[in-house]
C-alpha atoms as a PDB file:
ATOM      1  CA  MET A   1      38.828  10.117 -35.986  1.00  0.00           C
ATOM      2  CA  ARG A   2      36.917  12.470 -33.688  1.00  0.00           C
ATOM      3  CA  ASN A   3      34.526  11.016 -31.086  1.00  0.00           C
ATOM      4  CA  ASN A   4      31.614  12.757 -32.794  1.00  0.00           C
ATOM      5  CA  ASP A   5      32.391  11.030 -36.109  1.00  0.00           C
ATOM      6  CA  LEU A   6      32.550   7.644 -34.407  1.00  0.00           C
ATOM      7  CA  ASN A   7      29.257   8.272 -32.597  1.00  0.00           C
ATOM      8  CA  LEU A   8      27.582   9.117 -35.891  1.00  0.00           C
ATOM      9  CA  LEU A   9      28.912   5.933 -37.475  1.00  0.00           C
ATOM     10  CA  MET A  10      27.571   3.849 -34.578  1.00  0.00           C
ATOM     11  CA  ILE A  11      24.147   5.462 -34.901  1.00  0.00           C
ATOM     12  CA  PHE A  12      24.234   5.044 -38.691  1.00  0.00           C
ATOM     13  CA  ASP A  13      25.094   1.349 -38.231  1.00  0.00           C
ATOM     14  CA  ALA A  14      22.147   0.921 -35.839  1.00  0.00           C
ATOM     15  CA  ILE A  15      19.719   2.536 -38.311  1.00  0.00           C
ATOM     16  CA  MET A  16      20.993   0.328 -41.134  1.00  0.00           C
ATOM     17  CA  THR A  17      20.805  -2.797 -38.962  1.00  0.00           C
ATOM     18  CA  GLU A  18      17.309  -2.134 -37.619  1.00  0.00           C
ATOM     19  CA  GLY A  19      15.847  -0.515 -40.747  1.00  0.00           C
ATOM     20  CA  ALA A  20      13.946   2.059 -38.691  1.00  0.00           C
ATOM     21  CA  ILE A  21      14.824   5.076 -36.553  1.00  0.00           C
ATOM     22  CA  THR A  22      12.537   3.954 -33.704  1.00  0.00           C
ATOM     23  CA  ARG A  23      14.115   0.508 -33.434  1.00  0.00           C
ATOM     24  CA  ALA A  24      17.593   2.019 -33.756  1.00  0.00           C
ATOM     25  CA  ALA A  25      16.796   4.308 -30.821  1.00  0.00           C
ATOM     26  CA  ASP A  26      15.689   1.312 -28.751  1.00  0.00           C
ATOM     27  CA  ARG A  27      18.840  -0.574 -29.693  1.00  0.00           C
ATOM     28  CA  LEU A  28      21.051   2.357 -28.655  1.00  0.00           C
ATOM     29  CA  ALA A  29      19.007   3.267 -25.553  1.00  0.00           C
ATOM     30  CA  MET A  30      18.492   6.754 -27.054  1.00  0.00           C
ATOM     31  CA  THR A  31      15.395   8.828 -27.679  1.00  0.00           C
ATOM     32  CA  GLN A  32      13.958   8.946 -31.183  1.00  0.00           C
ATOM     33  CA  PRO A  33      14.518  12.744 -31.499  1.00  0.00           C
ATOM     34  CA  ALA A  34      18.179  12.243 -30.549  1.00  0.00           C
ATOM     35  CA  VAL A  35      18.644   9.676 -33.330  1.00  0.00           C
ATOM     36  CA  SER A  36      16.808  11.933 -35.797  1.00  0.00           C
ATOM     37  CA  ASN A  37      19.087  14.847 -34.861  1.00  0.00           C
ATOM     38  CA  ALA A  38      22.132  12.622 -35.365  1.00  0.00           C
ATOM     39  CA  LEU A  39      20.806  11.638 -38.793  1.00  0.00           C
ATOM     40  CA  SER A  40      20.513  15.322 -39.725  1.00  0.00           C
ATOM     41  CA  ARG A  41      24.153  15.828 -38.747  1.00  0.00           C
ATOM     42  CA  MET A  42      25.168  12.822 -40.868  1.00  0.00           C
ATOM     43  CA  ARG A  43      23.375  14.230 -43.905  1.00  0.00           C
ATOM     44  CA  THR A  44      25.189  17.540 -43.514  1.00  0.00           C
ATOM     45  CA  ALA A  45      28.601  15.998 -42.845  1.00  0.00           C
ATOM     46  CA  TRP A  46      28.422  13.324 -45.560  1.00  0.00           C
ATOM     47  CA  LYS A  47      26.449  15.395 -48.095  1.00  0.00           C
ATOM     48  CA  ASP A  48      23.915  12.649 -48.858  1.00  0.00           C
ATOM     49  CA  GLU A  49      20.253  12.037 -47.971  1.00  0.00           C
ATOM     50  CA  LEU A  50      21.245   8.545 -46.639  1.00  0.00           C
ATOM     51  CA  PHE A  51      17.621   7.369 -46.165  1.00  0.00           C
ATOM     52  CA  VAL A  52      14.422   8.089 -48.068  1.00  0.00           C
ATOM     53  CA  LYS A  53      10.842   7.362 -47.045  1.00  0.00           C
ATOM     54  CA  ASP A  54       9.266   4.199 -48.444  1.00  0.00           C
ATOM     55  CA  GLY A  55       5.674   3.905 -47.283  1.00  0.00           C
ATOM     56  CA  ARG A  56       5.878   3.636 -43.507  1.00  0.00           C
ATOM     57  CA  GLY A  57       9.534   2.651 -43.592  1.00  0.00           C
ATOM     58  CA  ILE A  58      12.803   3.983 -44.931  1.00  0.00           C
ATOM     59  CA  GLN A  59      15.220   2.798 -47.591  1.00  0.00           C
ATOM     60  CA  PRO A  60      18.981   3.515 -47.683  1.00  0.00           C
ATOM     61  CA  THR A  61      20.495   5.366 -50.613  1.00  0.00           C
ATOM     62  CA  ALA A  62      23.292   3.896 -52.726  1.00  0.00           C
ATOM     63  CA  PHE A  63      25.788   5.994 -50.745  1.00  0.00           C
ATOM     64  CA  ALA A  64      24.472   4.597 -47.465  1.00  0.00           C
ATOM     65  CA  LEU A  65      24.651   1.002 -48.710  1.00  0.00           C
ATOM     66  CA  ASN A  66      28.213   1.473 -49.920  1.00  0.00           C
ATOM     67  CA  LEU A  67      29.278   3.143 -46.676  1.00  0.00           C
ATOM     68  CA  TRP A  68      27.712   0.398 -44.547  1.00  0.00           C
ATOM     69  CA  SER A  69      29.420  -2.338 -46.540  1.00  0.00           C
ATOM     70  CA  GLN A  70      32.754  -0.737 -45.614  1.00  0.00           C
ATOM     71  CA  ILE A  71      32.176   0.049 -41.938  1.00  0.00           C
ATOM     72  CA  LYS A  72      29.937  -2.663 -40.473  1.00  0.00           C
ATOM     73  CA  GLU A  73      32.665  -5.279 -40.012  1.00  0.00           C
ATOM     74  CA  PRO A  74      35.283  -2.858 -38.590  1.00  0.00           C
ATOM     75  CA  LEU A  75      32.654  -1.431 -36.236  1.00  0.00           C
ATOM     76  CA  GLY A  76      31.837  -4.938 -35.032  1.00  0.00           C
ATOM     77  CA  LEU A  77      35.502  -5.630 -34.358  1.00  0.00           C
ATOM     78  CA  LEU A  78      35.860  -2.279 -32.603  1.00  0.00           C
ATOM     79  CA  GLU A  79      32.845  -2.996 -30.411  1.00  0.00           C
ATOM     80  CA  ASP A  80      34.314  -6.382 -29.466  1.00  0.00           C
ATOM     81  CA  ALA A  81      37.576  -4.658 -28.543  1.00  0.00           C
ATOM     82  CA  VAL A  82      35.910  -1.915 -26.480  1.00  0.00           C
ATOM     83  CA  ASN A  83      33.426  -4.162 -24.715  1.00  0.00           C
ATOM     84  CA  PRO A  84      34.992  -7.032 -22.733  1.00  0.00           C
ATOM     85  CA  SER A  85      33.880 -10.531 -23.542  1.00  0.00           C
ATOM     86  CA  HIS A  86      31.066 -10.799 -21.045  1.00  0.00           C
ATOM     87  CA  PHE A  87      27.378 -11.618 -21.241  1.00  0.00           C
ATOM     88  CA  ASP A  88      25.297 -12.078 -18.106  1.00  0.00           C
ATOM     89  CA  PRO A  89      21.779 -13.270 -18.989  1.00  0.00           C
ATOM     90  CA  ALA A  90      20.578 -12.329 -15.497  1.00  0.00           C
ATOM     91  CA  THR A  91      21.233  -8.620 -16.124  1.00  0.00           C
ATOM     92  CA  ALA A  92      21.193  -8.392 -19.933  1.00  0.00           C
ATOM     93  CA  ARG A  93      18.454  -6.397 -21.640  1.00  0.00           C
ATOM     94  CA  ARG A  94      18.248  -7.530 -25.228  1.00  0.00           C
ATOM     95  CA  THR A  95      15.843  -8.577 -27.971  1.00  0.00           C
ATOM     96  CA  PHE A  96      16.545 -11.573 -30.198  1.00  0.00           C
ATOM     97  CA  ARG A  97      14.625 -12.237 -33.412  1.00  0.00           C
ATOM     98  CA  ILE A  98      14.318 -15.850 -34.601  1.00  0.00           C
ATOM     99  CA  SER A  99      12.977 -16.902 -37.996  1.00  0.00           C
ATOM    100  CA  ALA A 100      11.298 -20.305 -37.689  1.00  0.00           C
ATOM    101  CA  SER A 101       8.340 -22.452 -38.737  1.00  0.00           C
ATOM    102  CA  ASP A 102       5.303 -22.981 -36.537  1.00  0.00           C
ATOM    103  CA  ILE A 103       6.595 -26.465 -35.588  1.00  0.00           C
ATOM    104  CA  VAL A 104       9.816 -24.998 -34.220  1.00  0.00           C
ATOM    105  CA  VAL A 105       7.930 -22.273 -32.352  1.00  0.00           C
ATOM    106  CA  ASP A 106       5.765 -24.947 -30.732  1.00  0.00           C
ATOM    107  CA  MET A 107       8.823 -26.971 -29.718  1.00  0.00           C
ATOM    108  CA  LEU A 108      11.019 -24.116 -28.574  1.00  0.00           C
ATOM    109  CA  TRP A 109       9.118 -21.128 -27.231  1.00  0.00           C
ATOM    110  CA  GLY A 110       7.824 -22.794 -24.043  1.00  0.00           C
ATOM    111  CA  PRO A 111      11.248 -23.996 -22.784  1.00  0.00           C
ATOM    112  CA  LEU A 112      12.851 -20.688 -23.801  1.00  0.00           C
ATOM    113  CA  ARG A 113      10.268 -18.689 -21.884  1.00  0.00           C
ATOM    114  CA  ARG A 114      10.744 -20.789 -18.751  1.00  0.00           C
ATOM    115  CA  ILE A 115      14.500 -20.152 -18.846  1.00  0.00           C
ATOM    116  CA  ILE A 116      13.961 -16.430 -19.448  1.00  0.00           C
ATOM    117  CA  GLU A 117      11.563 -16.103 -16.520  1.00  0.00           C
ATOM    118  CA  THR A 118      13.995 -17.790 -14.140  1.00  0.00           C
ATOM    119  CA  GLU A 119      17.421 -16.779 -15.468  1.00  0.00           C
ATOM    120  CA  ALA A 120      17.164 -13.926 -18.000  1.00  0.00           C
ATOM    121  CA  PRO A 121      14.190 -11.646 -17.245  1.00  0.00           C
ATOM    122  CA  GLY A 122      15.412  -8.826 -19.510  1.00  0.00           C
ATOM    123  CA  ILE A 123      15.566 -10.961 -22.673  1.00  0.00           C
ATOM    124  CA  ASN A 124      12.857 -10.696 -25.350  1.00  0.00           C
ATOM    125  CA  ILE A 125      12.312 -13.361 -28.041  1.00  0.00           C
ATOM    126  CA  TYR A 126      10.437 -12.342 -31.200  1.00  0.00           C
ATOM    127  CA  ALA A 127       9.275 -14.820 -33.841  1.00  0.00           C
ATOM    128  CA  MET A 128       9.906 -13.767 -37.442  1.00  0.00           C
ATOM    129  CA  PRO A 129       8.345 -15.263 -40.610  1.00  0.00           C
ATOM    130  CA  ASN A 130      10.034 -18.391 -41.920  1.00  0.00           C
ATOM    131  CA  ALA A 131      12.943 -17.419 -44.180  1.00  0.00           C
ATOM    132  CA  ALA A 132      12.979 -20.535 -46.353  1.00  0.00           C
ATOM    133  CA  LEU A 133      13.529 -18.593 -49.584  1.00  0.00           C
ATOM    134  CA  ASN A 134      15.858 -15.804 -48.447  1.00  0.00           C
ATOM    135  CA  THR A 135      17.866 -16.961 -45.451  1.00  0.00           C
ATOM    136  CA  GLU A 136      21.043 -15.163 -46.487  1.00  0.00           C
ATOM    137  CA  LYS A 137      19.219 -11.863 -47.091  1.00  0.00           C
ATOM    138  CA  VAL A 138      17.372 -12.047 -43.768  1.00  0.00           C
ATOM    139  CA  LEU A 139      20.621 -12.585 -41.894  1.00  0.00           C
ATOM    140  CA  ASN A 140      22.661 -10.138 -43.973  1.00  0.00           C
ATOM    141  CA  ASP A 141      20.071  -7.391 -43.444  1.00  0.00           C
ATOM    142  CA  ALA A 142      19.854  -8.233 -39.709  1.00  0.00           C
ATOM    143  CA  GLU A 143      16.116  -8.878 -39.936  1.00  0.00           C
ATOM    144  CA  ALA A 144      16.709 -11.931 -37.742  1.00  0.00           C
ATOM    145  CA  ASP A 145      19.507 -12.966 -35.403  1.00  0.00           C
ATOM    146  CA  LEU A 146      18.905 -16.675 -35.990  1.00  0.00           C
ATOM    147  CA  VAL A 147      17.174 -18.707 -38.659  1.00  0.00           C
ATOM    148  CA  ILE A 148      16.073 -22.249 -37.860  1.00  0.00           C
ATOM    149  CA  GLY A 149      15.507 -24.167 -41.059  1.00  0.00           C
ATOM    150  CA  LYS A 150      16.898 -26.580 -43.601  1.00  0.00           C
ATOM    151  CA  PHE A 151      20.607 -27.185 -43.187  1.00  0.00           C
ATOM    152  CA  PRO A 152      22.261 -25.525 -46.219  1.00  0.00           C
ATOM    153  CA  MET A 153      25.507 -25.985 -48.074  1.00  0.00           C
ATOM    154  CA  ALA A 154      28.607 -24.201 -46.796  1.00  0.00           C
ATOM    155  CA  ASP A 155      28.481 -20.430 -47.242  1.00  0.00           C
ATOM    156  CA  ASN A 156      30.977 -17.611 -46.814  1.00  0.00           C
ATOM    157  CA  VAL A 157      28.486 -15.437 -44.967  1.00  0.00           C
ATOM    158  CA  VAL A 158      26.065 -17.777 -43.193  1.00  0.00           C
ATOM    159  CA  ARG A 159      27.249 -19.959 -40.324  1.00  0.00           C
ATOM    160  CA  THR A 160      25.356 -23.174 -39.605  1.00  0.00           C
ATOM    161  CA  GLU A 161      25.076 -25.884 -36.975  1.00  0.00           C
ATOM    162  CA  GLN A 162      23.023 -29.011 -37.615  1.00  0.00           C
ATOM    163  CA  ILE A 163      20.471 -29.692 -34.892  1.00  0.00           C
ATOM    164  CA  LEU A 164      18.372 -32.689 -35.893  1.00  0.00           C
ATOM    165  CA  GLU A 165      16.974 -34.729 -38.747  1.00  0.00           C
ATOM    166  CA  PRO A 166      13.160 -34.892 -38.805  1.00  0.00           C
ATOM    167  CA  SER A 167      11.387 -38.228 -39.309  1.00  0.00           C
ATOM    168  CA  TYR A 168       8.900 -38.078 -42.166  1.00  0.00           C
ATOM    169  CA  VAL A 169       5.759 -40.203 -41.997  1.00  0.00           C
ATOM    170  CA  CYS A 170       2.589 -40.528 -44.045  1.00  0.00           C
ATOM    171  CA  VAL A 171      -0.593 -39.674 -42.131  1.00  0.00           C
ATOM    172  CA  MET A 172      -4.306 -39.844 -42.885  1.00  0.00           C
ATOM    173  CA  ARG A 173      -7.606 -40.198 -41.039  1.00  0.00           C
ATOM    174  CA  PRO A 174      -8.038 -43.605 -39.308  1.00  0.00           C
ATOM    175  CA  ASP A 175     -10.967 -44.639 -41.536  1.00  0.00           C
ATOM    176  CA  HIS A 176      -9.269 -43.599 -44.772  1.00  0.00           C
ATOM    177  CA  PRO A 177      -9.552 -46.257 -47.517  1.00  0.00           C
ATOM    178  CA  LEU A 178      -5.739 -46.662 -47.428  1.00  0.00           C
ATOM    179  CA  ALA A 179      -5.539 -47.023 -43.645  1.00  0.00           C
ATOM    180  CA  LYS A 180      -5.001 -50.773 -43.689  1.00  0.00           C
ATOM    181  CA  GLU A 181      -2.214 -53.019 -42.469  1.00  0.00           C
ATOM    182  CA  GLN A 182       0.248 -51.745 -45.029  1.00  0.00           C
ATOM    183  CA  LEU A 183       0.472 -48.764 -47.333  1.00  0.00           C
ATOM    184  CA  SER A 184       1.480 -49.820 -50.843  1.00  0.00           C
ATOM    185  CA  LEU A 185       3.660 -47.622 -52.982  1.00  0.00           C
ATOM    186  CA  GLN A 186       1.095 -47.587 -55.781  1.00  0.00           C
ATOM    187  CA  GLY A 187      -1.742 -46.689 -53.427  1.00  0.00           C
ATOM    188  CA  PHE A 188       0.431 -43.944 -51.970  1.00  0.00           C
ATOM    189  CA  ALA A 189       1.229 -42.518 -55.424  1.00  0.00           C
ATOM    190  CA  ASP A 190      -2.410 -42.695 -56.582  1.00  0.00           C
ATOM    191  CA  ALA A 191      -3.821 -40.862 -53.537  1.00  0.00           C
ATOM    192  CA  ASP A 192      -4.649 -37.152 -53.331  1.00  0.00           C
ATOM    193  CA  HIS A 193      -1.874 -35.482 -51.345  1.00  0.00           C
ATOM    194  CA  LEU A 194      -1.754 -32.501 -49.020  1.00  0.00           C
ATOM    195  CA  LEU A 195       1.572 -30.638 -49.104  1.00  0.00           C
ATOM    196  CA  VAL A 196       2.946 -28.215 -46.536  1.00  0.00           C
ATOM    197  CA  SER A 197       4.872 -25.610 -48.518  1.00  0.00           C
ATOM    198  CA  ILE A 198       6.367 -22.628 -46.741  1.00  0.00           C
ATOM    199  CA  THR A 199       7.662 -21.223 -50.029  1.00  0.00           C
ATOM    200  CA  GLY A 200       4.615 -21.871 -52.209  1.00  0.00           C
ATOM    201  CA  ASP A 201       6.423 -24.472 -54.327  1.00  0.00           C
ATOM    202  CA  VAL A 202       4.142 -27.480 -54.925  1.00  0.00           C
ATOM    203  CA  THR A 203       6.884 -30.042 -55.401  1.00  0.00           C
ATOM    204  CA  GLY A 204       8.958 -31.535 -52.617  1.00  0.00           C
ATOM    205  CA  ILE A 205      11.234 -34.385 -51.616  1.00  0.00           C
ATOM    206  CA  THR A 206       8.391 -36.886 -52.086  1.00  0.00           C
ATOM    207  CA  ASP A 207       7.970 -35.914 -55.730  1.00  0.00           C
ATOM    208  CA  GLN A 208      11.688 -36.369 -56.391  1.00  0.00           C
ATOM    209  CA  ALA A 209      11.666 -39.794 -54.718  1.00  0.00           C
ATOM    210  CA  LEU A 210       8.676 -40.913 -56.805  1.00  0.00           C
ATOM    211  CA  MET A 211      10.220 -39.551 -59.986  1.00  0.00           C
ATOM    212  CA  ASN A 212      13.312 -41.665 -59.315  1.00  0.00           C
ATOM    213  CA  VAL A 213      11.186 -44.815 -59.611  1.00  0.00           C
ATOM    214  CA  GLY A 214       9.062 -43.594 -62.519  1.00  0.00           C
ATOM    215  CA  LEU A 215       6.022 -42.529 -60.497  1.00  0.00           C
ATOM    216  CA  SER A 216       4.294 -39.259 -59.710  1.00  0.00           C
ATOM    217  CA  ARG A 217       1.570 -38.053 -57.387  1.00  0.00           C
ATOM    218  CA  ARG A 218      -1.176 -35.446 -57.392  1.00  0.00           C
ATOM    219  CA  VAL A 219      -0.733 -32.607 -54.904  1.00  0.00           C
ATOM    220  CA  ALA A 220      -4.407 -31.762 -54.581  1.00  0.00           C
ATOM    221  CA  MET A 221      -4.014 -29.093 -51.914  1.00  0.00           C
ATOM    222  CA  SER A 222      -1.229 -27.183 -50.187  1.00  0.00           C
ATOM    223  CA  VAL A 223      -1.006 -25.169 -46.977  1.00  0.00           C
ATOM    224  CA  ASN A 224       1.711 -22.843 -45.712  1.00  0.00           C
ATOM    225  CA  HIS A 225       1.843 -23.942 -42.075  1.00  0.00           C
ATOM    226  CA  PHE A 226       1.770 -27.247 -40.221  1.00  0.00           C
ATOM    227  CA  HIS A 227      -1.106 -26.487 -37.856  1.00  0.00           C
ATOM    228  CA  ALA A 228      -3.544 -26.867 -40.768  1.00  0.00           C
ATOM    229  CA  VAL A 229      -2.552 -30.476 -41.509  1.00  0.00           C
ATOM    230  CA  ALA A 230      -4.446 -32.504 -38.901  1.00  0.00           C
ATOM    231  CA  PRO A 231      -7.853 -30.739 -39.243  1.00  0.00           C
ATOM    232  CA  LEU A 232      -7.748 -31.075 -43.042  1.00  0.00           C
ATOM    233  CA  LEU A 233      -6.830 -34.757 -42.985  1.00  0.00           C
ATOM    234  CA  GLN A 234      -9.488 -35.569 -40.404  1.00  0.00           C
ATOM    235  CA  GLN A 235     -12.255 -34.256 -42.659  1.00  0.00           C
ATOM    236  CA  SER A 236     -11.036 -35.419 -46.075  1.00  0.00           C
ATOM    237  CA  ASP A 237      -9.493 -38.248 -48.103  1.00  0.00           C
ATOM    238  CA  LEU A 238      -6.189 -36.409 -48.373  1.00  0.00           C
ATOM    239  CA  ILE A 239      -2.970 -37.999 -47.159  1.00  0.00           C
ATOM    240  CA  CYS A 240       0.141 -36.095 -46.173  1.00  0.00           C
ATOM    241  CA  VAL A 241       3.875 -36.710 -45.841  1.00  0.00           C
ATOM    242  CA  VAL A 242       4.969 -34.611 -42.884  1.00  0.00           C
ATOM    243  CA  PRO A 243       7.584 -34.509 -40.110  1.00  0.00           C
ATOM    244  CA  SER A 244       6.097 -36.758 -37.430  1.00  0.00           C
ATOM    245  CA  ILE A 245       6.576 -34.197 -34.678  1.00  0.00           C
ATOM    246  CA  ALA A 246       4.264 -31.792 -36.522  1.00  0.00           C
ATOM    247  CA  VAL A 247       1.304 -34.114 -35.842  1.00  0.00           C
ATOM    248  CA  GLU A 248       2.640 -35.744 -32.682  1.00  0.00           C
ATOM    249  CA  LYS A 249      -0.512 -35.368 -30.604  1.00  0.00           C
ATOM    250  CA  GLU A 250      -2.758 -36.753 -33.343  1.00  0.00           C
ATOM    251  CA  ILE A 251      -0.427 -39.707 -34.027  1.00  0.00           C
ATOM    252  CA  PHE A 252      -0.059 -40.747 -30.396  1.00  0.00           C
ATOM    253  CA  SER A 253      -3.754 -40.317 -29.600  1.00  0.00           C
ATOM    254  CA  GLY A 254      -4.960 -42.227 -32.667  1.00  0.00           C
ATOM    255  CA  GLU A 255      -6.639 -39.227 -34.269  1.00  0.00           C
ATOM    256  CA  LEU A 256      -4.486 -39.885 -37.323  1.00  0.00           C
ATOM    257  CA  ALA A 257      -3.254 -43.178 -38.769  1.00  0.00           C
ATOM    258  CA  VAL A 258       0.504 -43.171 -39.251  1.00  0.00           C
ATOM    259  CA  PHE A 259       2.635 -45.068 -41.765  1.00  0.00           C
ATOM    260  CA  GLU A 260       6.258 -45.167 -42.639  1.00  0.00           C
ATOM    261  CA  THR A 261       6.571 -43.691 -46.115  1.00  0.00           C
ATOM    262  CA  PRO A 262       6.548 -46.540 -48.687  1.00  0.00           C
ATOM    263  CA  ILE A 263       9.512 -44.948 -50.464  1.00  0.00           C
ATOM    264  CA  GLU A 264      12.795 -43.683 -49.056  1.00  0.00           C
ATOM    265  CA  LEU A 265      12.975 -39.892 -48.906  1.00  0.00           C
ATOM    266  CA  ALA A 266      16.060 -37.682 -49.062  1.00  0.00           C
ATOM    267  CA  LYS A 267      17.332 -36.533 -45.676  1.00  0.00           C
ATOM    268  CA  THR A 268      16.435 -32.952 -44.750  1.00  0.00           C
ATOM    269  CA  PRO A 269      18.498 -31.939 -41.706  1.00  0.00           C
ATOM    270  CA  LEU A 270      17.404 -28.964 -39.650  1.00  0.00           C
ATOM    271  CA  GLY A 271      19.980 -26.407 -38.589  1.00  0.00           C
ATOM    272  CA  VAL A 272      20.421 -23.135 -36.739  1.00  0.00           C
ATOM    273  CA  LEU A 273      21.905 -20.387 -38.940  1.00  0.00           C
ATOM    274  CA  TRP A 274      23.446 -17.010 -38.137  1.00  0.00           C
ATOM    275  CA  HIS A 275      25.587 -14.343 -39.848  1.00  0.00           C
ATOM    276  CA  LYS A 276      29.356 -14.584 -39.571  1.00  0.00           C
ATOM    277  CA  ARG A 277      29.573 -11.057 -38.129  1.00  0.00           C
ATOM    278  CA  GLN A 278      27.929 -12.458 -34.973  1.00  0.00           C
ATOM    279  CA  ASP A 279      30.368 -15.330 -34.491  1.00  0.00           C
ATOM    280  CA  HIS A 280      31.746 -13.664 -31.350  1.00  0.00           C
ATOM    281  CA  ASP A 281      28.448 -12.311 -30.033  1.00  0.00           C
ATOM    282  CA  LEU A 282      28.302 -13.876 -26.564  1.00  0.00           C
ATOM    283  CA  GLY A 283      24.609 -13.142 -26.179  1.00  0.00           C
ATOM    284  CA  LEU A 284      23.813 -14.951 -29.395  1.00  0.00           C
ATOM    285  CA  GLN A 285      26.115 -17.805 -28.392  1.00  0.00           C
ATOM    286  CA  TRP A 286      24.097 -18.158 -25.166  1.00  0.00           C
ATOM    287  CA  LEU A 287      20.842 -18.238 -27.157  1.00  0.00           C
ATOM    288  CA  ARG A 288      22.221 -20.738 -29.700  1.00  0.00           C
ATOM    289  CA  ARG A 289      23.214 -23.138 -26.929  1.00  0.00           C
ATOM    290  CA  LEU A 290      19.697 -23.011 -25.488  1.00  0.00           C
ATOM    291  CA  VAL A 291      18.046 -23.427 -28.892  1.00  0.00           C
ATOM    292  CA  THR A 292      20.155 -26.424 -29.918  1.00  0.00           C
ATOM    293  CA  ARG A 293      19.806 -28.084 -26.514  1.00  0.00           C
ATOM    294  CA  PHE A 294      16.037 -27.709 -26.298  1.00  0.00           C
ATOM    295  CA  LEU A 295      15.396 -28.820 -29.880  1.00  0.00           C
ATOM    296  CA  ARG A 296      17.666 -31.859 -29.575  1.00  0.00           C
ATOM    297  CA  GLU A 297      16.117 -32.889 -26.265  1.00  0.00           C
ATOM    298  CA  ARG A 298      12.606 -32.429 -27.622  1.00  0.00           C
ATOM    299  CA  SER A 299      13.431 -34.404 -30.765  1.00  0.00           C
ATOM    300  CA  ALA A 300      15.003 -37.256 -28.796  1.00  0.00           C
ATOM    301  CA  GLN A 301      11.921 -37.477 -26.579  1.00  0.00           C
ATOM    302  CA  HIS A 302       9.661 -37.615 -29.615  1.00  0.00           C
ATOM    303  CA  GLN A 303      11.767 -40.236 -31.411  1.00  0.00           C
ATOM    304  CA  ALA A 304      11.721 -42.511 -28.359  1.00  0.00           C
ATOM    305  CA  LEU A 305       7.927 -42.409 -28.307  1.00  0.00           C
ATOM    306  CA  LEU A 306       7.546 -42.701 -32.081  1.00  0.00           C
ATOM    307  CA  SER A 307       9.699 -45.834 -32.141  1.00  0.00           C
ATOM    308  CA  ARG A 308       6.967 -47.623 -30.179  1.00  0.00           C
ATOM    309  CA  CYS A 309       4.415 -47.001 -32.912  1.00  0.00           C
ATOM    310  CA  CYS A 310       3.907 -49.746 -35.425  1.00  0.00           C
ATOM    311  CA  ARG A 311       3.705 -49.170 -39.184  1.00  0.00           C
ATOM    312  CA  LYS A 312       0.103 -48.156 -38.833  1.00  0.00           C
ATOM    313  CA  GLY A 313      -1.356 -47.850 -35.417  1.00  0.00           C
ATOM    314  CA  TYR A 314      -2.526 -45.755 -32.546  1.00  0.00           C
ATOM    315  CA  CYS A 315      -0.232 -44.791 -29.719  1.00  0.00           C
ATOM    316  CA  PRO A 316      -2.278 -43.776 -26.669  1.00  0.00           C
ATOM    317  CA  ASP A 317       0.443 -45.061 -24.339  1.00  0.00           C
ATOM    318  CA  ALA A 318       3.002 -42.837 -26.037  1.00  0.00           C
ATOM    319  CA  LEU A 319       0.707 -39.850 -25.627  1.00  0.00           C
ATOM    320  CA  LYS A 320       0.211 -40.602 -21.933  1.00  0.00           C
ATOM    321  CA  GLU A 321       3.963 -40.849 -21.440  1.00  0.00           C
ATOM    322  CA  LEU A 322       4.533 -37.577 -23.294  1.00  0.00           C
ATOM    323  CA  ILE A 323       2.024 -35.791 -21.034  1.00  0.00           C
ATOM    324  CA  SER A 324       3.592 -37.399 -17.964  1.00  0.00           C
ATOM    325  CA  GLN A 325       7.098 -36.289 -18.979  1.00  0.00           C
ATOM    326  CA  ARG A 326       5.950 -32.734 -19.535  1.00  0.00           C
ATOM    327  CA  THR A 327       4.157 -32.698 -16.188  1.00  0.00           C
ATOM    328  CA  GLN A 328       7.274 -33.960 -14.422  1.00  0.00           C
ATOM    329  CA  ALA A 329       9.373 -31.312 -16.163  1.00  0.00           C
ATOM    330  CA  ASP A 330       6.964 -28.589 -15.032  1.00  0.00           C
ATOM    331  CA  CYS A 331       7.056 -29.908 -11.460  1.00  0.00           C
ATOM    332  CA  SER A 332      10.859 -29.962 -11.476  1.00  0.00           C
ATOM    333  CA  LEU A 333      10.907 -26.387 -12.735  1.00  0.00           C
ATOM    334  CA  ALA A 334       8.477 -25.311 -10.006  1.00  0.00           C
ATOM    335  CA  GLU A 335      10.654 -26.958  -7.339  1.00  0.00           C
ATOM    336  CA  THR A 336      13.737 -25.175  -8.695  1.00  0.00           C
ATOM    337  CA  GLN A 337      11.933 -21.828  -8.608  1.00  0.00           C
ATOM    338  CA  LEU A 338      10.743 -22.485  -5.051  1.00  0.00           C
ATOM    339  CA  LYS A 339      14.262 -23.300  -3.872  1.00  0.00           C
ATOM    340  CA  GLY A 340      15.491 -20.100  -5.499  1.00  0.00           C
ATOM    341  CA  ILE A 341      12.891 -18.080  -3.581  1.00  0.00           C
ATOM    342  CA  GLN A 342      13.806 -19.769  -0.310  1.00  0.00           C
END
């Protein structure tokens, strides 16, 4: 194969991966006109249009899709062979895209940014919409490098690593009629429920658990992100089953009353997912180690504080300790940065 043919294949792979000529140019450290000129040469050499305009974007032709399915894995292996196994975060210039919920962004982005500012200044982290419905497609089409979501069954394409198992609690405003010493199963089932649904589906693990004992509930309202939960509960008679860390501040400060769920719910482990073609990507391995470490540490800290909360109660001491721990972590980081400057 001539060098020119290989160069065209590499540029073609970048356009397919990024889904846009501009992003492909950034990925390859080329100018946009240079990538456009290469695309013209591809069309002449391979006698196919390859990409057609679709609104503001482009869509590959059937020929392009078939070609990519045959070359993307060999090109990845070739790149691994040509480029030695080395990734230095201090000098790397790279963008990673992570698909995650707003809870995960809240937990993860701060620690990631602190590491980037001190150890990897050329790394960019972009948040992508949650891929709850189409994880495999998002990873297969390279729309995201990582997906952080529900831990799936084994897959031939998607690789997974379990990170944590969220604790689900039932929360409501402190003066809610059900906010008494104990939350009965019947009272729980009869209440109007708020459901967080990323996918739009208005049934969840709570409905299945109730169905198993011959009960049902009314989902009176749903939202598509966790930040909406606390404000809605504080101004209504809704109750909500939610991962405790999503309303951590409100639980520990007493702004929301917290109960263990009166019925056992199916476990819903959270995992980090990536495409098998990136198994040997050292940059992504570096990012995965940071993601899993930060999320596990953050979850362990939360669980330790949550364990001090009673079945229904306020946890101001837990909130104070959480703030203190974060302050100490920030001070330690500042000291490390100062030593590095000295």
